[in-house]
């Protein structure tokens, strides 16, 4: 299933719990194990500003046709 994802962050949020455990919460919207990070954000590290459509085959940058 294709997803249109606009995000402000290309790394997960780190959550530290009182007992010392650390959890990573997805911030890119691509994880298949939400709310937890599965490393999918690594696909976004070379993005420039813009909106992208991601699917299992890759990504497409959405171009604005209106000036």
N, C-alpha and C. Protein backbone atom coordinates (compact mmCIF):
# COMPACT_ATOMS: atom_id res chain seq x y z
N UNK A 1 0.83 -1.17 0.00
CA UNK A 1 0.00 0.00 0.00
C UNK A 1 0.88 1.24 0.00
N UNK A 2 0.66 2.13 -0.93
CA UNK A 2 1.43 3.37 -1.01
C UNK A 2 1.00 4.32 0.10
N UNK A 3 1.94 5.11 0.57
CA UNK A 3 1.65 6.10 1.62
C UNK A 3 2.21 7.44 1.20
N UNK A 4 1.46 8.49 1.42
CA UNK A 4 1.96 9.84 1.24
C UNK A 4 2.43 10.30 2.60
N UNK A 5 3.73 10.60 2.71
CA UNK A 5 4.30 10.91 4.01
C UNK A 5 4.98 12.27 3.96
N UNK A 6 4.56 13.17 4.83
CA UNK A 6 5.26 14.44 5.01
C UNK A 6 5.72 14.46 6.46
N UNK A 7 6.98 14.61 6.65
CA UNK A 7 7.50 14.59 8.02
C UNK A 7 8.53 15.67 8.20
N UNK A 8 8.75 16.04 9.43
CA UNK A 8 9.74 17.06 9.78
C UNK A 8 10.99 16.44 10.38
N UNK A 9 11.01 15.14 10.45
CA UNK A 9 12.10 14.46 11.17
C UNK A 9 12.41 13.15 10.46
N UNK A 10 13.69 12.84 10.30
CA UNK A 10 14.05 11.58 9.64
C UNK A 10 14.83 10.66 10.59
N UNK A 11 14.47 10.74 11.86
CA UNK A 11 15.00 9.81 12.85
C UNK A 11 13.94 9.62 13.93
N UNK A 12 13.99 8.52 14.67
CA UNK A 12 12.96 8.25 15.67
C UNK A 12 13.14 9.08 16.94
N UNK A 13 12.06 9.15 17.71
CA UNK A 13 12.12 9.75 19.03
C UNK A 13 12.60 8.69 20.02
N UNK A 14 13.55 9.06 20.86
CA UNK A 14 14.05 8.15 21.88
C UNK A 14 13.28 8.38 23.18
N UNK A 15 12.69 7.31 23.71
CA UNK A 15 11.93 7.39 24.96
C UNK A 15 12.65 6.54 26.01
N UNK A 16 13.09 7.19 27.10
CA UNK A 16 13.75 6.47 28.19
C UNK A 16 12.75 6.27 29.32
N UNK A 17 12.63 5.03 29.77
CA UNK A 17 11.70 4.66 30.83
C UNK A 17 12.47 4.60 32.15
N UNK A 18 11.74 4.79 33.25
CA UNK A 18 12.36 4.82 34.58
C UNK A 18 13.21 3.60 34.89
N UNK A 19 12.84 2.43 34.37
CA UNK A 19 13.58 1.21 34.68
C UNK A 19 14.83 1.05 33.82
N UNK A 20 15.15 2.06 33.00
CA UNK A 20 16.36 2.02 32.19
C UNK A 20 16.15 1.56 30.76
N UNK A 21 14.97 1.04 30.45
CA UNK A 21 14.70 0.63 29.08
C UNK A 21 14.61 1.84 28.16
N UNK A 22 14.98 1.62 26.90
CA UNK A 22 14.90 2.68 25.89
C UNK A 22 14.05 2.16 24.74
N UNK A 23 13.10 2.98 24.31
CA UNK A 23 12.25 2.67 23.17
C UNK A 23 12.42 3.74 22.12
N UNK A 24 12.25 3.37 20.87
CA UNK A 24 12.34 4.32 19.77
C UNK A 24 11.00 4.35 19.05
N UNK A 25 10.41 5.54 18.99
CA UNK A 25 9.08 5.73 18.41
C UNK A 25 9.25 6.34 17.01
N UNK A 26 8.56 5.75 16.05
CA UNK A 26 8.64 6.18 14.66
C UNK A 26 8.22 7.64 14.51
N UNK A 27 9.00 8.41 13.76
CA UNK A 27 8.67 9.80 13.46
C UNK A 27 8.55 10.03 11.96
N UNK A 28 8.94 9.04 11.15
CA UNK A 28 8.92 9.22 9.70
C UNK A 28 7.62 8.73 9.07
N UNK A 29 6.87 7.90 9.78
CA UNK A 29 5.61 7.40 9.26
C UNK A 29 5.73 6.15 8.41
N UNK A 30 6.92 5.60 8.25
CA UNK A 30 7.13 4.46 7.37
C UNK A 30 7.26 3.12 8.07
N UNK A 31 7.39 3.11 9.38
CA UNK A 31 7.60 1.87 10.12
C UNK A 31 6.42 0.92 9.94
N UNK A 32 6.73 -0.35 9.81
CA UNK A 32 5.68 -1.37 9.74
C UNK A 32 5.35 -1.90 11.14
N UNK A 33 6.00 -1.36 12.17
CA UNK A 33 5.79 -1.79 13.55
C UNK A 33 5.39 -0.60 14.42
N UNK A 34 4.58 0.30 13.87
CA UNK A 34 4.18 1.49 14.62
C UNK A 34 3.52 1.10 15.94
N UNK A 35 3.75 1.82 16.98
CA UNK A 35 4.40 3.12 16.99
C UNK A 35 5.92 3.05 17.06
N UNK A 36 6.47 1.85 17.05
CA UNK A 36 7.91 1.70 17.24
C UNK A 36 8.67 1.79 15.92
N UNK A 37 9.90 2.25 16.01
CA UNK A 37 10.77 2.37 14.85
C UNK A 37 11.28 0.99 14.42
N UNK A 38 11.31 0.77 13.11
CA UNK A 38 11.90 -0.47 12.58
C UNK A 38 13.08 -0.18 11.65
N UNK A 39 13.55 1.08 11.64
CA UNK A 39 14.69 1.45 10.81
C UNK A 39 14.31 1.96 9.43
N UNK A 40 13.02 2.03 9.14
CA UNK A 40 12.57 2.47 7.81
C UNK A 40 12.99 3.90 7.50
N UNK A 41 13.24 4.71 8.52
CA UNK A 41 13.63 6.10 8.30
C UNK A 41 14.95 6.22 7.54
N UNK A 42 15.73 5.18 7.51
CA UNK A 42 17.01 5.22 6.77
C UNK A 42 16.79 5.49 5.30
N UNK A 43 15.58 5.15 4.79
CA UNK A 43 15.24 5.42 3.39
C UNK A 43 15.07 6.92 3.14
N UNK A 44 14.90 7.72 4.20
CA UNK A 44 14.61 9.15 4.04
C UNK A 44 15.82 10.04 4.26
N UNK A 45 16.96 9.49 4.61
CA UNK A 45 18.10 10.30 5.02
C UNK A 45 18.62 11.24 3.93
N UNK A 46 18.43 10.90 2.66
CA UNK A 46 18.93 11.75 1.58
C UNK A 46 17.85 12.64 0.96
N UNK A 47 16.70 12.73 1.61
CA UNK A 47 15.62 13.58 1.10
C UNK A 47 16.00 15.04 1.16
N UNK A 48 15.47 15.78 0.20
CA UNK A 48 15.53 17.23 0.24
C UNK A 48 14.15 17.71 0.70
N UNK A 49 13.97 19.00 0.86
CA UNK A 49 12.67 19.55 1.24
C UNK A 49 11.63 19.13 0.22
N UNK A 50 10.46 18.73 0.67
CA UNK A 50 9.41 18.36 -0.24
C UNK A 50 8.50 17.30 0.31
N UNK A 51 7.62 16.80 -0.55
CA UNK A 51 6.68 15.74 -0.19
C UNK A 51 7.00 14.52 -1.04
N UNK A 52 6.99 13.35 -0.42
CA UNK A 52 7.35 12.11 -1.09
C UNK A 52 6.25 11.07 -0.92
N UNK A 53 6.10 10.24 -1.94
CA UNK A 53 5.23 9.08 -1.86
C UNK A 53 6.13 7.86 -1.78
N UNK A 54 5.92 7.05 -0.74
CA UNK A 54 6.70 5.83 -0.54
C UNK A 54 5.82 4.62 -0.75
N UNK A 55 6.37 3.59 -1.36
CA UNK A 55 5.73 2.28 -1.40
C UNK A 55 6.82 1.23 -1.31
N UNK A 56 6.44 -0.03 -1.47
CA UNK A 56 7.44 -1.10 -1.32
C UNK A 56 8.52 -1.07 -2.40
N UNK A 57 8.28 -0.34 -3.49
CA UNK A 57 9.26 -0.27 -4.58
C UNK A 57 10.20 0.92 -4.51
N UNK A 58 9.93 1.88 -3.66
CA UNK A 58 10.79 3.05 -3.57
C UNK A 58 9.99 4.29 -3.24
N UNK A 59 10.44 5.44 -3.76
CA UNK A 59 9.78 6.71 -3.49
C UNK A 59 9.73 7.57 -4.73
N UNK A 60 8.79 8.49 -4.72
CA UNK A 60 8.64 9.48 -5.78
C UNK A 60 8.46 10.82 -5.10
N UNK A 61 9.19 11.83 -5.57
CA UNK A 61 8.99 13.17 -5.04
C UNK A 61 7.80 13.80 -5.77
N UNK A 62 6.89 14.36 -5.00
CA UNK A 62 5.71 15.01 -5.56
C UNK A 62 6.11 16.41 -6.00
N UNK A 63 5.92 16.68 -7.27
CA UNK A 63 6.26 17.99 -7.83
C UNK A 63 5.02 18.87 -7.86
N UNK A 64 5.18 20.12 -7.54
CA UNK A 64 4.09 21.08 -7.58
C UNK A 64 3.99 21.61 -9.01
N UNK A 65 2.87 21.42 -9.63
CA UNK A 65 2.67 21.87 -11.00
C UNK A 65 2.20 23.32 -11.07
N UNK A 66 1.90 23.91 -9.93
CA UNK A 66 1.41 25.29 -9.89
C UNK A 66 2.45 26.19 -9.27
N UNK A 67 2.83 27.26 -9.95
CA UNK A 67 3.85 28.16 -9.39
C UNK A 67 3.38 28.94 -8.20
